[in-house]
Amino acid sequence: MSDQPHIDPAGNTQAFRAFANAREQESAAAKPKKSPLLPILAVVLAVVIIGVAAFLLLQ
């Protein structure tokens, strides 16, 4: 037998998973909520462009 003590890899894996899950939860909580301003502006801009194009084509 070896003189080195047997290290259970499951304990290390469980500790790592707990650490990784804690880090993911911290980073998710730290992220600011996304503002819906950009999609709203994109829709408004698309409507304006379509309106101007229809106006110019129908003249």
C-alpha atoms as a PDB file:
ATOM      1  CA  MET A   1       0.000   0.000   0.000  1.00  0.00           C
ATOM      2  CA  SER A   2       0.991   3.585  -0.479  1.00  0.00           C
ATOM      3  CA  ASP A   3       2.101   5.785   2.399  1.00  0.00           C
ATOM      4  CA  GLN A   4      -0.022   8.648   1.074  1.00  0.00           C
ATOM      5  CA  PRO A   5      -3.477   9.101   2.574  1.00  0.00           C
ATOM      6  CA  HIS A   6      -6.445   8.361   0.341  1.00  0.00           C
ATOM      7  CA  ILE A   7      -8.237  11.580  -0.694  1.00  0.00           C
ATOM      8  CA  ASP A   8     -11.868  11.182  -1.629  1.00  0.00           C
ATOM      9  CA  PRO A   9     -12.370  13.010  -4.953  1.00  0.00           C
ATOM     10  CA  ALA A  10     -16.134  13.215  -4.348  1.00  0.00           C
ATOM     11  CA  GLY A  11     -15.558  15.567  -1.429  1.00  0.00           C
ATOM     12  CA  ASN A  12     -13.449  17.861  -3.574  1.00  0.00           C
ATOM     13  CA  THR A  13     -15.980  17.745  -6.402  1.00  0.00           C
ATOM     14  CA  GLN A  14     -18.844  18.570  -4.077  1.00  0.00           C
ATOM     15  CA  ALA A  15     -16.891  21.475  -2.596  1.00  0.00           C
ATOM     16  CA  PHE A  16     -16.084  22.777  -6.055  1.00  0.00           C
ATOM     17  CA  ARG A  17     -19.696  22.496  -7.203  1.00  0.00           C
ATOM     18  CA  ALA A  18     -20.876  24.371  -4.121  1.00  0.00           C
ATOM     19  CA  PHE A  19     -18.293  27.077  -4.804  1.00  0.00           C
ATOM     20  CA  ALA A  20     -19.234  27.316  -8.500  1.00  0.00           C
ATOM     21  CA  ASN A  21     -22.966  27.477  -7.744  1.00  0.00           C
ATOM     22  CA  ALA A  22     -22.393  30.206  -5.154  1.00  0.00           C
ATOM     23  CA  ARG A  23     -20.373  32.238  -7.669  1.00  0.00           C
ATOM     24  CA  GLU A  24     -23.084  31.863 -10.347  1.00  0.00           C
ATOM     25  CA  GLN A  25     -25.758  33.043  -7.927  1.00  0.00           C
ATOM     26  CA  GLU A  26     -23.642  36.038  -6.867  1.00  0.00           C
ATOM     27  CA  SER A  27     -22.950  37.062 -10.458  1.00  0.00           C
ATOM     28  CA  ALA A  28     -26.620  36.665 -11.417  1.00  0.00           C
ATOM     29  CA  ALA A  29     -27.676  38.834  -8.482  1.00  0.00           C
ATOM     30  CA  ALA A  30     -25.027  41.449  -9.320  1.00  0.00           C
ATOM     31  CA  LYS A  31     -26.167  41.914 -12.932  1.00  0.00           C
ATOM     32  CA  PRO A  32     -28.472  44.878 -13.407  1.00  0.00           C
ATOM     33  CA  LYS A  33     -31.843  44.270 -15.000  1.00  0.00           C
ATOM     34  CA  LYS A  34     -31.923  45.005 -18.708  1.00  0.00           C
ATOM     35  CA  SER A  35     -33.922  48.019 -19.707  1.00  0.00           C
ATOM     36  CA  PRO A  36     -36.632  47.500 -22.346  1.00  0.00           C
ATOM     37  CA  LEU A  37     -35.661  50.867 -23.840  1.00  0.00           C
ATOM     38  CA  LEU A  38     -33.589  49.465 -26.719  1.00  0.00           C
ATOM     39  CA  PRO A  39     -36.284  47.130 -28.141  1.00  0.00           C
ATOM     40  CA  ILE A  40     -38.899  49.863 -27.809  1.00  0.00           C
ATOM     41  CA  LEU A  41     -36.691  52.328 -29.681  1.00  0.00           C
ATOM     42  CA  ALA A  42     -36.026  49.734 -32.385  1.00  0.00           C
ATOM     43  CA  VAL A  43     -39.759  49.150 -32.917  1.00  0.00           C
ATOM     44  CA  VAL A  44     -40.502  52.893 -33.011  1.00  0.00           C
ATOM     45  CA  LEU A  45     -37.666  53.463 -35.482  1.00  0.00           C
ATOM     46  CA  ALA A  46     -38.891  50.617 -37.707  1.00  0.00           C
ATOM     47  CA  VAL A  47     -42.446  52.043 -37.710  1.00  0.00           C
ATOM     48  CA  VAL A  48     -41.138  55.499 -38.617  1.00  0.00           C
ATOM     49  CA  ILE A  49     -38.978  54.121 -41.445  1.00  0.00           C
ATOM     50  CA  ILE A  50     -41.868  52.062 -42.834  1.00  0.00           C
ATOM     51  CA  GLY A  51     -44.176  55.077 -42.571  1.00  0.00           C
ATOM     52  CA  VAL A  52     -41.744  57.369 -44.397  1.00  0.00           C
ATOM     53  CA  ALA A  53     -41.148  54.738 -47.097  1.00  0.00           C
ATOM     54  CA  ALA A  54     -44.901  54.224 -47.596  1.00  0.00           C
ATOM     55  CA  PHE A  55     -45.461  57.979 -47.738  1.00  0.00           C
ATOM     56  CA  LEU A  56     -42.759  58.433 -50.371  1.00  0.00           C
ATOM     57  CA  LEU A  57     -43.946  55.474 -52.460  1.00  0.00           C
ATOM     58  CA  LEU A  58     -47.582  56.569 -52.471  1.00  0.00           C
ATOM     59  CA  GLN A  59     -46.909  60.075 -53.688  1.00  0.00           C
END
